Structure formats: C-alpha cells, structure tokens
PDB file of N, CA and C in Angstrom:
ATOM      1  N   UNK A   1     -49.482  32.979 -32.107  1.00  0.00           N
ATOM      2  CA  UNK A   1     -48.031  33.160 -32.585  1.00  0.00           C
ATOM      3  C   UNK A   1     -48.132  33.158 -34.044  1.00  0.00           C
ATOM      4  N   UNK A   2     -47.592  34.290 -34.742  1.00  0.00           N
ATOM      5  CA  UNK A   2     -47.505  34.536 -36.129  1.00  0.00           C
ATOM      6  C   UNK A   2     -46.572  33.597 -36.618  1.00  0.00           C
ATOM      7  N   UNK A   3     -47.124  32.887 -37.854  1.00  0.00           N
ATOM      8  CA  UNK A   3     -46.201  32.133 -38.641  1.00  0.00           C
ATOM      9  C   UNK A   3     -46.257  30.557 -38.103  1.00  0.00           C
ATOM     10  N   UNK A   4     -46.944  30.338 -36.811  1.00  0.00           N
ATOM     11  CA  UNK A   4     -46.901  29.078 -36.286  1.00  0.00           C
ATOM     12  C   UNK A   4     -47.860  28.153 -37.086  1.00  0.00           C
ATOM     13  N   UNK A   5     -47.422  26.908 -37.331  1.00  0.00           N
ATOM     14  CA  UNK A   5     -48.137  25.815 -38.042  1.00  0.00           C
ATOM     15  C   UNK A   5     -48.514  24.680 -37.187  1.00  0.00           C
ATOM     16  N   UNK A   6     -49.520  23.922 -37.681  1.00  0.00           N
ATOM     17  CA  UNK A   6     -50.016  22.645 -37.000  1.00  0.00           C
ATOM     18  C   UNK A   6     -48.783  21.695 -37.387  1.00  0.00           C
ATOM     19  N   UNK A   7     -48.429  21.695 -38.675  1.00  0.00           N
ATOM     20  CA  UNK A   7     -47.788  20.613 -39.238  1.00  0.00           C
ATOM     21  C   UNK A   7     -46.523  21.198 -40.159  1.00  0.00           C
ATOM     22  N   UNK A   8     -45.428  20.625 -40.073  1.00  0.00           N
ATOM     23  CA  UNK A   8     -44.401  20.861 -41.018  1.00  0.00           C
ATOM     24  C   UNK A   8     -44.059  19.628 -42.082  1.00  0.00           C
ATOM     25  N   UNK A   9     -44.185  20.113 -43.385  1.00  0.00           N
ATOM     26  CA  UNK A   9     -43.850  19.041 -44.376  1.00  0.00           C
ATOM     27  C   UNK A   9     -42.265  19.053 -44.715  1.00  0.00           C
ATOM     28  N   UNK A  10     -42.073  17.769 -44.225  1.00  0.00           N
ATOM     29  CA  UNK A  10     -40.345  17.372 -44.695  1.00  0.00           C
ATOM     30  C   UNK A  10     -40.043  16.566 -45.460  1.00  0.00           C
ATOM     31  N   UNK A  11     -39.283  16.820 -46.330  1.00  0.00           N
ATOM     32  CA  UNK A  11     -38.543  15.719 -47.447  1.00  0.00           C
ATOM     33  C   UNK A  11     -37.230  15.455 -46.875  1.00  0.00           C
ATOM     34  N   UNK A  12     -36.884  14.163 -47.050  1.00  0.00           N
ATOM     35  CA  UNK A  12     -35.496  13.834 -46.720  1.00  0.00           C
ATOM     36  C   UNK A  12     -34.726  13.461 -47.953  1.00  0.00           C
ATOM     37  N   UNK A  13     -33.523  14.172 -48.130  1.00  0.00           N
ATOM     38  CA  UNK A  13     -32.857  13.842 -49.458  1.00  0.00           C
ATOM     39  C   UNK A  13     -31.722  12.870 -49.100  1.00  0.00           C
ATOM     40  N   UNK A  14     -31.587  11.800 -49.960  1.00  0.00           N
ATOM     41  CA  UNK A  14     -30.649  10.883 -49.569  1.00  0.00           C
ATOM     42  C   UNK A  14     -29.344  11.143 -50.464  1.00  0.00           C
ATOM     43  N   UNK A  15     -28.360  10.393 -50.069  1.00  0.00           N
ATOM     44  CA  UNK A  15     -27.055  10.690 -50.763  1.00  0.00           C
ATOM     45  C   UNK A  15     -27.029  10.332 -52.198  1.00  0.00           C
ATOM     46  N   UNK A  16     -27.941   9.625 -52.894  1.00  0.00           N
ATOM     47  CA  UNK A  16     -28.184   9.238 -54.131  1.00  0.00           C
ATOM     48  C   UNK A  16     -28.757  10.334 -54.884  1.00  0.00           C
ATOM     49  N   UNK A  17     -29.534  11.381 -54.149  1.00  0.00           N
ATOM     50  CA  UNK A  17     -30.274  12.391 -54.803  1.00  0.00           C
ATOM     51  C   UNK A  17     -31.702  11.937 -54.752  1.00  0.00           C
ATOM     52  N   UNK A  18     -32.091  10.745 -54.500  1.00  0.00           N
ATOM     53  CA  UNK A  18     -33.519  10.430 -54.205  1.00  0.00           C
ATOM     54  C   UNK A  18     -34.230  10.950 -52.852  1.00  0.00           C
ATOM     55  N   UNK A  19     -35.477  10.983 -52.854  1.00  0.00           N
ATOM     56  CA  UNK A  19     -35.997  11.445 -51.653  1.00  0.00           C
ATOM     57  C   UNK A  19     -37.066  10.444 -50.932  1.00  0.00           C
ATOM     58  N   UNK A  20     -37.291  10.782 -49.751  1.00  0.00           N
ATOM     59  CA  UNK A  20     -38.149  10.076 -48.986  1.00  0.00           C
ATOM     60  C   UNK A  20     -39.078  11.260 -48.397  1.00  0.00           C
ATOM     61  N   UNK A  21     -40.438  11.129 -48.861  1.00  0.00           N
ATOM     62  CA  UNK A  21     -41.367  12.143 -48.572  1.00  0.00           C
ATOM     63  C   UNK A  21     -41.613  12.951 -49.715  1.00  0.00           C
ATOM     64  N   UNK A  22     -42.359  14.238 -49.487  1.00  0.00           N
ATOM     65  CA  UNK A  22     -42.493  14.861 -48.128  1.00  0.00           C
ATOM     66  C   UNK A  22     -43.503  14.058 -47.393  1.00  0.00           C
ATOM     67  N   UNK A  23     -43.600  14.428 -45.974  1.00  0.00           N
ATOM     68  CA  UNK A  23     -44.426  13.841 -45.043  1.00  0.00           C
ATOM     69  C   UNK A  23     -44.618  14.829 -43.928  1.00  0.00           C
ATOM     70  N   UNK A  24     -45.701  14.799 -43.577  1.00  0.00           N
ATOM     71  CA  UNK A  24     -45.986  15.948 -42.417  1.00  0.00           C
ATOM     72  C   UNK A  24     -45.744  15.423 -41.014  1.00  0.00           C
ATOM     73  N   UNK A  25     -45.224  16.341 -40.269  1.00  0.00           N
ATOM     74  CA  UNK A  25     -44.797  16.090 -38.691  1.00  0.00           C
ATOM     75  C   UNK A  25     -45.166  17.411 -37.990  1.00  0.00           C
ATOM     76  N   UNK A  26     -45.357  16.915 -36.865  1.00  0.00           N
ATOM     77  CA  UNK A  26     -45.874  18.036 -35.854  1.00  0.00           C
ATOM     78  C   UNK A  26     -44.706  18.545 -35.390  1.00  0.00           C
ATOM     79  N   UNK A  27     -44.837  19.924 -34.750  1.00  0.00           N
ATOM     80  CA  UNK A  27     -43.658  20.815 -34.517  1.00  0.00           C
ATOM     81  C   UNK A  27     -42.863  20.108 -33.133  1.00  0.00           C
ATOM     82  N   UNK A  28     -43.587  19.373 -32.387  1.00  0.00           N
ATOM     83  CA  UNK A  28     -43.089  18.662 -31.243  1.00  0.00           C
ATOM     84  C   UNK A  28     -42.345  17.498 -31.556  1.00  0.00           C
ATOM     85  N   UNK A  29     -42.381  16.955 -32.863  1.00  0.00           N
ATOM     86  CA  UNK A  29     -41.555  15.897 -33.164  1.00  0.00           C
ATOM     87  C   UNK A  29     -40.280  15.960 -32.883  1.00  0.00           C
ATOM     88  N   UNK A  30     -39.514  14.976 -32.354  1.00  0.00           N
ATOM     89  CA  UNK A  30     -38.225  14.870 -32.014  1.00  0.00           C
ATOM     90  C   UNK A  30     -37.359  14.321 -33.285  1.00  0.00           C
ATOM     91  N   UNK A  31     -36.076  14.838 -33.309  1.00  0.00           N
ATOM     92  CA  UNK A  31     -35.242  14.566 -34.570  1.00  0.00           C
ATOM     93  C   UNK A  31     -35.065  13.162 -34.530  1.00  0.00           C
ATOM     94  N   UNK A  32     -34.922  12.390 -33.373  1.00  0.00           N
ATOM     95  CA  UNK A  32     -34.803  10.895 -33.160  1.00  0.00           C
ATOM     96  C   UNK A  32     -35.989  10.231 -33.924  1.00  0.00           C
ATOM     97  N   UNK A  33     -37.180  10.938 -33.602  1.00  0.00           N
ATOM     98  CA  UNK A  33     -38.391  10.276 -34.383  1.00  0.00           C
ATOM     99  C   UNK A  33     -38.236  10.453 -35.916  1.00  0.00           C
ATOM    100  N   UNK A  34     -37.948  11.336 -36.284  1.00  0.00           N
ATOM    101  CA  UNK A  34     -37.455  11.742 -37.832  1.00  0.00           C
ATOM    102  C   UNK A  34     -36.755  10.710 -38.250  1.00  0.00           C
ATOM    103  N   UNK A  35     -35.732  10.225 -37.597  1.00  0.00           N
ATOM    104  CA  UNK A  35     -34.725   9.326 -38.035  1.00  0.00           C
ATOM    105  C   UNK A  35     -35.236   8.087 -37.921  1.00  0.00           C
ATOM    106  N   UNK A  36     -36.179   7.675 -37.035  1.00  0.00           N
ATOM    107  CA  UNK A  36     -36.719   6.366 -37.029  1.00  0.00           C
ATOM    108  C   UNK A  36     -37.727   6.288 -38.165  1.00  0.00           C
ATOM    109  N   UNK A  37     -38.413   7.385 -38.657  1.00  0.00           N
ATOM    110  CA  UNK A  37     -39.166   7.388 -39.756  1.00  0.00           C
ATOM    111  C   UNK A  37     -38.423   7.051 -41.040  1.00  0.00           C
ATOM    112  N   UNK A  38     -37.224   7.704 -41.102  1.00  0.00           N
ATOM    113  CA  UNK A  38     -36.286   7.559 -42.354  1.00  0.00           C
ATOM    114  C   UNK A  38     -35.859   5.926 -42.329  1.00  0.00           C
ATOM    115  N   UNK A  39     -35.550   5.446 -41.171  1.00  0.00           N
ATOM    116  CA  UNK A  39     -35.111   3.947 -41.180  1.00  0.00           C
ATOM    117  C   UNK A  39     -36.374   2.948 -41.524  1.00  0.00           C
ATOM    118  N   UNK A  40     -37.559   3.344 -41.206  1.00  0.00           N
ATOM    119  CA  UNK A  40     -38.733   2.601 -41.593  1.00  0.00           C
ATOM    120  C   UNK A  40     -39.143   2.553 -42.910  1.00  0.00           C
ATOM    121  N   UNK A  41     -38.637   3.855 -43.760  1.00  0.00           N
ATOM    122  CA  UNK A  41     -39.102   4.006 -45.153  1.00  0.00           C
ATOM    123  C   UNK A  41     -37.847   3.968 -46.096  1.00  0.00           C
ATOM    124  N   UNK A  42     -36.646   3.491 -45.554  1.00  0.00           N
ATOM    125  CA  UNK A  42     -35.274   3.450 -46.356  1.00  0.00           C
ATOM    126  C   UNK A  42     -35.644   2.492 -47.568  1.00  0.00           C
ATOM    127  N   UNK A  43     -35.223   3.008 -48.679  1.00  0.00           N
ATOM    128  CA  UNK A  43     -35.441   2.025 -49.795  1.00  0.00           C
ATOM    129  C   UNK A  43     -34.568   0.721 -49.668  1.00  0.00           C
ATOM    130  N   UNK A  44     -35.216  -0.508 -50.040  1.00  0.00           N
ATOM    131  CA  UNK A  44     -34.572  -1.791 -49.797  1.00  0.00           C
ATOM    132  C   UNK A  44     -33.595  -1.956 -50.853  1.00  0.00           C
ATOM    133  N   UNK A  45     -33.680  -1.276 -52.042  1.00  0.00           N
ATOM    134  CA  UNK A  45     -32.648  -1.547 -53.017  1.00  0.00           C
ATOM    135  C   UNK A  45     -31.203  -0.757 -52.805  1.00  0.00           C
ATOM    136  N   UNK A  46     -31.312   0.003 -51.904  1.00  0.00           N
ATOM    137  CA  UNK A  46     -30.118   0.868 -51.549  1.00  0.00           C
ATOM    138  C   UNK A  46     -29.156   0.098 -50.839  1.00  0.00           C
ATOM    139  N   UNK A  47     -27.885  -0.079 -51.019  1.00  0.00           N
ATOM    140  CA  UNK A  47     -27.080  -0.858 -50.171  1.00  0.00           C
ATOM    141  C   UNK A  47     -26.495   0.157 -48.985  1.00  0.00           C
ATOM    142  N   UNK A  48     -25.870  -0.549 -48.216  1.00  0.00           N
ATOM    143  CA  UNK A  48     -25.323  -0.137 -46.981  1.00  0.00           C
ATOM    144  C   UNK A  48     -26.283   0.918 -46.320  1.00  0.00           C
ATOM    145  N   UNK A  49     -27.473   0.634 -45.994  1.00  0.00           N
ATOM    146  CA  UNK A  49     -28.359   1.341 -45.615  1.00  0.00           C
ATOM    147  C   UNK A  49     -28.126   1.425 -43.922  1.00  0.00           C
ATOM    148  N   UNK A  50     -28.759   2.572 -43.362  1.00  0.00           N
ATOM    149  CA  UNK A  50     -28.653   2.642 -41.987  1.00  0.00           C
ATOM    150  C   UNK A  50     -29.229   1.387 -41.047  1.00  0.00           C
ATOM    151  N   UNK A  51     -28.793   0.967 -39.944  1.00  0.00           N
ATOM    152  CA  UNK A  51     -29.288   0.081 -39.139  1.00  0.00           C
ATOM    153  C   UNK A  51     -30.045   0.536 -37.867  1.00  0.00           C
ATOM    154  N   UNK A  52     -29.440   1.570 -37.438  1.00  0.00           N
ATOM    155  CA  UNK A  52     -29.884   2.269 -36.328  1.00  0.00           C
ATOM    156  C   UNK A  52     -30.053   3.875 -36.460  1.00  0.00           C
ATOM    157  N   UNK A  53     -30.613   4.413 -35.338  1.00  0.00           N
ATOM    158  CA  UNK A  53     -30.738   5.894 -35.437  1.00  0.00           C
ATOM    159  C   UNK A  53     -29.419   6.565 -35.289  1.00  0.00           C
ATOM    160  N   UNK A  54     -28.519   5.831 -34.673  1.00  0.00           N
ATOM    161  CA  UNK A  54     -27.128   6.427 -34.389  1.00  0.00           C
ATOM    162  C   UNK A  54     -26.501   6.416 -35.831  1.00  0.00           C
ATOM    163  N   UNK A  55     -26.765   5.696 -36.666  1.00  0.00           N
ATOM    164  CA  UNK A  55     -26.180   5.687 -38.156  1.00  0.00           C
ATOM    165  C   UNK A  55     -26.558   6.838 -38.890  1.00  0.00           C
ATOM    166  N   UNK A  56     -27.561   7.551 -38.661  1.00  0.00           N
ATOM    167  CA  UNK A  56     -28.180   8.559 -39.409  1.00  0.00           C
ATOM    168  C   UNK A  56     -27.912   9.976 -38.801  1.00  0.00           C
ATOM    169  N   UNK A  57     -27.364  10.835 -39.675  1.00  0.00           N
ATOM    170  CA  UNK A  57     -27.279  12.192 -39.146  1.00  0.00           C
ATOM    171  C   UNK A  57     -28.358  13.059 -40.439  1.00  0.00           C
ATOM    172  N   UNK A  58     -28.930  13.923 -39.636  1.00  0.00           N
ATOM    173  CA  UNK A  58     -29.886  14.870 -40.392  1.00  0.00           C
ATOM    174  C   UNK A  58     -29.238  16.387 -40.509  1.00  0.00           C
ATOM    175  N   UNK A  59     -29.247  17.184 -41.632  1.00  0.00           N
ATOM    176  CA  UNK A  59     -28.696  18.216 -41.749  1.00  0.00           C
ATOM    177  C   UNK A  59     -29.858  19.172 -42.480  1.00  0.00           C
ATOM    178  N   UNK A  60     -29.956  20.140 -41.815  1.00  0.00           N
ATOM    179  CA  UNK A  60     -31.025  21.310 -42.316  1.00  0.00           C
ATOM    180  C   UNK A  60     -30.420  22.681 -41.983  1.00  0.00           C
ATOM    181  N   UNK A  61     -30.557  23.411 -43.378  1.00  0.00           N
ATOM    182  CA  UNK A  61     -30.074  24.819 -43.282  1.00  0.00           C
ATOM    183  C   UNK A  61     -28.527  24.843 -42.676  1.00  0.00           C
ATOM    184  N   UNK A  62     -27.773  23.769 -43.133  1.00  0.00           N
ATOM    185  CA  UNK A  62     -26.360  23.817 -42.762  1.00  0.00           C
ATOM    186  C   UNK A  62     -26.016  23.318 -41.682  1.00  0.00           C
ATOM    187  N   UNK A  63     -26.956  22.893 -40.837  1.00  0.00           N
ATOM    188  CA  UNK A  63     -26.766  22.454 -39.367  1.00  0.00           C
ATOM    189  C   UNK A  63     -27.002  21.112 -39.020  1.00  0.00           C
ATOM    190  N   UNK A  64     -26.183  20.282 -38.324  1.00  0.00           N
ATOM    191  CA  UNK A  64     -26.448  19.099 -37.942  1.00  0.00           C
ATOM    192  C   UNK A  64     -27.583  18.969 -36.855  1.00  0.00           C
ATOM    193  N   UNK A  65     -28.654  18.197 -37.013  1.00  0.00           N
ATOM    194  CA  UNK A  65     -29.669  18.283 -36.051  1.00  0.00           C
ATOM    195  C   UNK A  65     -29.489  17.199 -34.915  1.00  0.00           C
ATOM    196  N   UNK A  66     -29.531  17.535 -33.695  1.00  0.00           N
ATOM    197  CA  UNK A  66     -29.422  16.821 -32.459  1.00  0.00           C
ATOM    198  C   UNK A  66     -30.783  16.017 -32.076  1.00  0.00           C
ATOM    199  N   UNK A  67     -30.603  14.749 -31.766  1.00  0.00           N
ATOM    200  CA  UNK A  67     -31.790  13.916 -31.432  1.00  0.00           C
ATOM    201  C   UNK A  67     -32.721  14.316 -30.570  1.00  0.00           C
ATOM    202  N   UNK A  68     -32.187  15.173 -29.483  1.00  0.00           N
ATOM    203  CA  UNK A  68     -33.204  15.353 -28.538  1.00  0.00           C
ATOM    204  C   UNK A  68     -34.134  16.843 -28.712  1.00  0.00           C
ATOM    205  N   UNK A  69     -33.741  17.435 -29.981  1.00  0.00           N
ATOM    206  CA  UNK A  69     -34.208  18.664 -30.337  1.00  0.00           C
ATOM    207  C   UNK A  69     -35.664  18.467 -30.878  1.00  0.00           C
ATOM    208  N   UNK A  70     -36.458  19.199 -30.973  1.00  0.00           N
ATOM    209  CA  UNK A  70     -37.820  19.137 -31.924  1.00  0.00           C
ATOM    210  C   UNK A  70     -37.685  19.755 -33.418  1.00  0.00           C
ATOM    211  N   UNK A  71     -38.665  19.339 -34.141  1.00  0.00           N
ATOM    212  CA  UNK A  71     -38.669  19.883 -35.423  1.00  0.00           C
ATOM    213  C   UNK A  71     -38.883  21.580 -35.409  1.00  0.00           C
ATOM    214  N   UNK A  72     -39.825  21.808 -34.346  1.00  0.00           N
ATOM    215  CA  UNK A  72     -40.013  23.514 -34.388  1.00  0.00           C
ATOM    216  C   UNK A  72     -38.603  24.130 -33.763  1.00  0.00           C
ATOM    217  N   UNK A  73     -37.681  23.630 -32.926  1.00  0.00           N
ATOM    218  CA  UNK A  73     -36.553  23.964 -32.647  1.00  0.00           C
ATOM    219  C   UNK A  73     -35.527  24.132 -33.826  1.00  0.00           C
ATOM    220  N   UNK A  74     -35.708  23.215 -34.685  1.00  0.00           N
ATOM    221  CA  UNK A  74     -34.590  23.287 -35.596  1.00  0.00           C
ATOM    222  C   UNK A  74     -35.055  23.794 -37.074  1.00  0.00           C
ATOM    223  N   UNK A  75     -36.243  24.261 -37.084  1.00  0.00           N
ATOM    224  CA  UNK A  75     -36.668  24.789 -38.380  1.00  0.00           C
ATOM    225  C   UNK A  75     -36.095  25.937 -38.919  1.00  0.00           C
ATOM    226  N   UNK A  76     -35.881  26.029 -40.191  1.00  0.00           N
ATOM    227  CA  UNK A  76     -35.536  27.279 -40.873  1.00  0.00           C
ATOM    228  C   UNK A  76     -36.358  28.349 -40.743  1.00  0.00           C
ATOM    229  N   UNK A  77     -35.882  29.610 -40.800  1.00  0.00           N
ATOM    230  CA  UNK A  77     -36.856  30.774 -41.019  1.00  0.00           C
ATOM    231  C   UNK A  77     -37.444  30.883 -42.265  1.00  0.00           C
ATOM    232  N   UNK A  78     -36.975  30.095 -43.215  1.00  0.00           N
ATOM    233  CA  UNK A  78     -37.571  29.980 -44.565  1.00  0.00           C
ATOM    234  C   UNK A  78     -38.782  29.095 -44.605  1.00  0.00           C
ATOM    235  N   UNK A  79     -39.031  28.471 -43.708  1.00  0.00           N
ATOM    236  CA  UNK A  79     -40.268  27.545 -43.441  1.00  0.00           C
ATOM    237  C   UNK A  79     -41.573  28.139 -43.085  1.00  0.00           C
ATOM    238  N   UNK A  80     -41.791  29.392 -42.977  1.00  0.00           N
ATOM    239  CA  UNK A  80     -42.806  30.134 -42.575  1.00  0.00           C
ATOM    240  C   UNK A  80     -43.762  30.276 -43.852  1.00  0.00           C
ATOM    241  N   UNK A  81     -43.536  29.992 -45.106  1.00  0.00           N
ATOM    242  CA  UNK A  81     -44.414  30.114 -46.149  1.00  0.00           C
ATOM    243  C   UNK A  81     -45.387  29.016 -45.681  1.00  0.00           C
ATOM    244  N   UNK A  82     -46.791  29.379 -46.135  1.00  0.00           N
ATOM    245  CA  UNK A  82     -47.744  28.309 -45.881  1.00  0.00           C
ATOM    246  C   UNK A  82     -47.562  26.940 -46.612  1.00  0.00           C
ATOM    247  N   UNK A  83     -47.153  26.863 -47.878  1.00  0.00           N
ATOM    248  CA  UNK A  83     -46.929  25.554 -48.544  1.00  0.00           C
ATOM    249  C   UNK A  83     -45.568  25.166 -48.554  1.00  0.00           C
ATOM    250  N   UNK A  84     -44.593  25.648 -47.779  1.00  0.00           N
ATOM    251  CA  UNK A  84     -43.091  25.233 -47.926  1.00  0.00           C
ATOM    252  C   UNK A  84     -42.941  23.854 -47.385  1.00  0.00           C
ATOM    253  N   UNK A  85     -41.864  23.270 -48.071  1.00  0.00           N
ATOM    254  CA  UNK A  85     -41.472  21.819 -47.892  1.00  0.00           C
ATOM    255  C   UNK A  85     -40.061  22.042 -47.438  1.00  0.00           C
ATOM    256  N   UNK A  86     -39.761  21.551 -46.154  1.00  0.00           N
ATOM    257  CA  UNK A  86     -38.312  21.686 -45.787  1.00  0.00           C
ATOM    258  C   UNK A  86     -37.615  20.233 -46.272  1.00  0.00           C
ATOM    259  N   UNK A  87     -36.429  20.616 -46.992  1.00  0.00           N
ATOM    260  CA  UNK A  87     -35.460  19.366 -47.196  1.00  0.00           C
ATOM    261  C   UNK A  87     -34.573  19.324 -46.145  1.00  0.00           C
ATOM    262  N   UNK A  88     -34.393  18.121 -45.680  1.00  0.00           N
ATOM    263  CA  UNK A  88     -33.368  17.761 -44.924  1.00  0.00           C
ATOM    264  C   UNK A  88     -32.409  16.590 -45.424  1.00  0.00           C
ATOM    265  N   UNK A  89     -31.171  16.875 -45.433  1.00  0.00           N
ATOM    266  CA  UNK A  89     -30.191  15.912 -46.072  1.00  0.00           C
ATOM    267  C   UNK A  89     -29.901  14.874 -45.023  1.00  0.00           C
ATOM    268  N   UNK A  90     -29.873  13.646 -45.542  1.00  0.00           N
ATOM    269  CA  UNK A  90     -29.652  12.471 -44.775  1.00  0.00           C
ATOM    270  C   UNK A  90     -28.112  11.865 -45.017  1.00  0.00           C
ATOM    271  N   UNK A  91     -27.374  11.840 -44.103  1.00  0.00           N
ATOM    272  CA  UNK A  91     -25.993  11.327 -44.216  1.00  0.00           C
ATOM    273  C   UNK A  91     -25.928  10.155 -43.131  1.00  0.00           C
ATOM    274  N   UNK A  92     -25.277   9.020 -43.823  1.00  0.00           N
ATOM    275  CA  UNK A  92     -25.137   7.878 -43.215  1.00  0.00           C
ATOM    276  C   UNK A  92     -23.683   7.690 -42.667  1.00  0.00           C
ATOM    277  N   UNK A  93     -23.584   7.445 -41.400  1.00  0.00           N
ATOM    278  CA  UNK A  93     -22.402   7.153 -40.712  1.00  0.00           C
ATOM    279  C   UNK A  93     -22.011   5.772 -40.965  1.00  0.00           C
ATOM    280  N   UNK A  94     -20.659   5.416 -41.243  1.00  0.00           N
ATOM    281  CA  UNK A  94     -20.429   4.085 -41.161  1.00  0.00           C
ATOM    282  C   UNK A  94     -20.547   3.351 -39.995  1.00  0.00           C
ATOM    283  N   UNK A  95     -20.832   2.107 -40.051  1.00  0.00           N
ATOM    284  CA  UNK A  95     -21.045   1.273 -38.868  1.00  0.00           C
ATOM    285  C   UNK A  95     -19.697   0.680 -38.260  1.00  0.00           C
ATOM    286  N   UNK A  96     -19.609   0.989 -37.072  1.00  0.00           N
ATOM    287  CA  UNK A  96     -18.311   0.712 -36.291  1.00  0.00           C
ATOM    288  C   UNK A  96     -17.709  -0.797 -36.713  1.00  0.00           C
ATOM    289  N   UNK A  97     -18.648  -1.800 -36.720  1.00  0.00           N
ATOM    290  CA  UNK A  97     -18.096  -3.143 -37.055  1.00  0.00           C
ATOM    291  C   UNK A  97     -17.552  -3.196 -38.585  1.00  0.00           C
ATOM    292  N   UNK A  98     -18.202  -2.409 -39.267  1.00  0.00           N
ATOM    293  CA  UNK A  98     -17.592  -2.322 -40.843  1.00  0.00           C
ATOM    294  C   UNK A  98     -16.137  -1.711 -40.698  1.00  0.00           C
ATOM    295  N   UNK A  99     -16.023  -0.607 -40.096  1.00  0.00           N
ATOM    296  CA  UNK A  99     -14.644   0.007 -39.939  1.00  0.00           C
ATOM    297  C   UNK A  99     -13.782  -0.731 -39.206  1.00  0.00           C
ATOM    298  N   UNK A 100     -14.035  -1.644 -38.272  1.00  0.00           N
ATOM    299  CA  UNK A 100     -13.120  -2.528 -37.605  1.00  0.00           C
ATOM    300  C   UNK A 100     -12.716  -3.696 -38.547  1.00  0.00           C
ATOM    301  N   UNK A 101     -13.809  -4.209 -39.269  1.00  0.00           N
ATOM    302  CA  UNK A 101     -13.472  -5.410 -40.281  1.00  0.00           C
ATOM    303  C   UNK A 101     -12.423  -5.010 -41.417  1.00  0.00           C
ATOM    304  N   UNK A 102     -12.968  -3.722 -41.902  1.00  0.00           N
ATOM    305  CA  UNK A 102     -11.995  -3.147 -42.985  1.00  0.00           C
ATOM    306  C   UNK A 102     -10.500  -3.054 -42.380  1.00  0.00           C
ATOM    307  N   UNK A 103     -10.483  -2.354 -41.203  1.00  0.00           N
ATOM    308  CA  UNK A 103      -9.025  -2.183 -40.950  1.00  0.00           C
ATOM    309  C   UNK A 103      -8.315  -3.371 -40.476  1.00  0.00           C
ATOM    310  N   UNK A 104      -8.768  -4.566 -40.187  1.00  0.00           N
ATOM    311  CA  UNK A 104      -8.305  -5.673 -39.789  1.00  0.00           C
ATOM    312  C   UNK A 104      -8.018  -6.547 -41.051  1.00  0.00           C
ATOM    313  N   UNK A 105      -8.466  -6.365 -42.083  1.00  0.00           N
ATOM    314  CA  UNK A 105      -8.270  -7.152 -43.403  1.00  0.00           C
ATOM    315  C   UNK A 105      -6.885  -6.850 -43.876  1.00  0.00           C
ATOM    316  N   UNK A 106      -6.072  -7.797 -44.157  1.00  0.00           N
ATOM    317  CA  UNK A 106      -4.858  -7.526 -44.769  1.00  0.00           C
ATOM    318  C   UNK A 106      -4.789  -6.829 -45.924  1.00  0.00           C
ATOM    319  N   UNK A 107      -3.933  -5.681 -46.238  1.00  0.00           N
ATOM    320  CA  UNK A 107      -3.842  -5.257 -47.517  1.00  0.00           C
ATOM    321  C   UNK A 107      -3.172  -6.056 -48.596  1.00  0.00           C
ATOM    322  N   UNK A 108      -3.898  -5.976 -49.703  1.00  0.00           N
ATOM    323  CA  UNK A 108      -3.241  -6.812 -50.824  1.00  0.00           C
ATOM    324  C   UNK A 108      -2.328  -6.102 -51.406  1.00  0.00           C
ATOM    325  N   UNK A 109      -1.087  -6.543 -51.889  1.00  0.00           N
ATOM    326  CA  UNK A 109      -0.071  -5.891 -52.686  1.00  0.00           C
ATOM    327  C   UNK A 109      -0.767  -5.636 -53.966  1.00  0.00           C
ATOM    328  N   UNK A 110      -0.644  -4.477 -54.380  1.00  0.00           N
ATOM    329  CA  UNK A 110      -0.977  -3.885 -55.938  1.00  0.00           C
ATOM    330  C   UNK A 110       0.194  -4.079 -56.825  1.00  0.00           C
ATOM    331  N   UNK A 111       1.341  -4.104 -56.212  1.00  0.00           N
ATOM    332  CA  UNK A 111       2.391  -4.148 -57.306  1.00  0.00           C
ATOM    333  C   UNK A 111       3.037  -5.658 -57.213  1.00  0.00           C
ATOM    334  N   UNK A 112       3.532  -6.098 -58.531  1.00  0.00           N
ATOM    335  CA  UNK A 112       3.983  -7.284 -58.565  1.00  0.00           C
ATOM    336  C   UNK A 112       5.600  -7.380 -58.654  1.00  0.00           C
ATOM    337  N   UNK A 113       6.282  -8.201 -57.988  1.00  0.00           N
ATOM    338  CA  UNK A 113       7.681  -8.338 -58.217  1.00  0.00           C
ATOM    339  C   UNK A 113       8.131  -9.513 -58.907  1.00  0.00           C
ATOM    340  N   UNK A 114       8.809  -9.347 -59.832  1.00  0.00           N
ATOM    341  CA  UNK A 114       9.323 -10.487 -60.505  1.00  0.00           C
ATOM    342  C   UNK A 114      10.824 -10.642 -60.511  1.00  0.00           C
ATOM    343  N   UNK A 115      11.353 -11.731 -60.173  1.00  0.00           N
ATOM    344  CA  UNK A 115      12.836 -11.901 -59.804  1.00  0.00           C
ATOM    345  C   UNK A 115      13.178 -13.059 -61.042  1.00  0.00           C
ATOM    346  N   UNK A 116      14.194 -12.490 -61.654  1.00  0.00           N
ATOM    347  CA  UNK A 116      14.461 -13.282 -62.809  1.00  0.00           C
ATOM    348  C   UNK A 116      15.922 -14.136 -62.407  1.00  0.00           C
TER     349      UNK A 116
END
C-alpha cells in the first residue's frame, strides 16, 4: 500500500503551548491508548490535569477523535511525508465533581451596601 508506514510520529500540544512527545505509535493504536499515554506523561507541575481518559479530548486536523478509532483511521492526508510529525491538540474537560462543587458554592456579593 503506497504511503503506508509502520509507525506514526505524534506530538501532543497542551493548552499552555508545551508538548508531550513526539513519540512513535503503531497505526493500529487506539485513540484511547493515546489518551492513556498522555495521562502517564502529563507534566506534574501543571495544575488541573486530567484524571481519566474521559477527561481528555484529542483534536487532529480539526476533528475530535473518538476513543474506539485507530491512529490509521484518524490520520491526516498530510501525514504521508516520510518524516512527518502529526500534532494533536489536547483539550481537558472539566471534572464533573468540580463543576458540581463550584455550582453549589454560594456566590459572594461583590458590591457593598452602606446604610447611613
């Protein structure tokens, strides 16, 4: 098959502009496995990092990648160059418990009233 490769070089771009990788992955690697790799390599100094695969979304070529798909199914046509490195953007979804906690906290008044 023309353009087929044994491995894909993938770099993960984080929201602060830093990268994880590039690292080689087989074309049969699932997107869920890529997310697990991101979790294991997540920089400890970054706050609010993902806790589970469900907290991570990967975007490549403008498309959100589904966990059950493989790297080969999601690759961009631009990746056929021999030394191409694919950059996938990593988006972290807020944790459900964080959303609930913030929503349940009482709102503090930001304006003060003075009665004379």
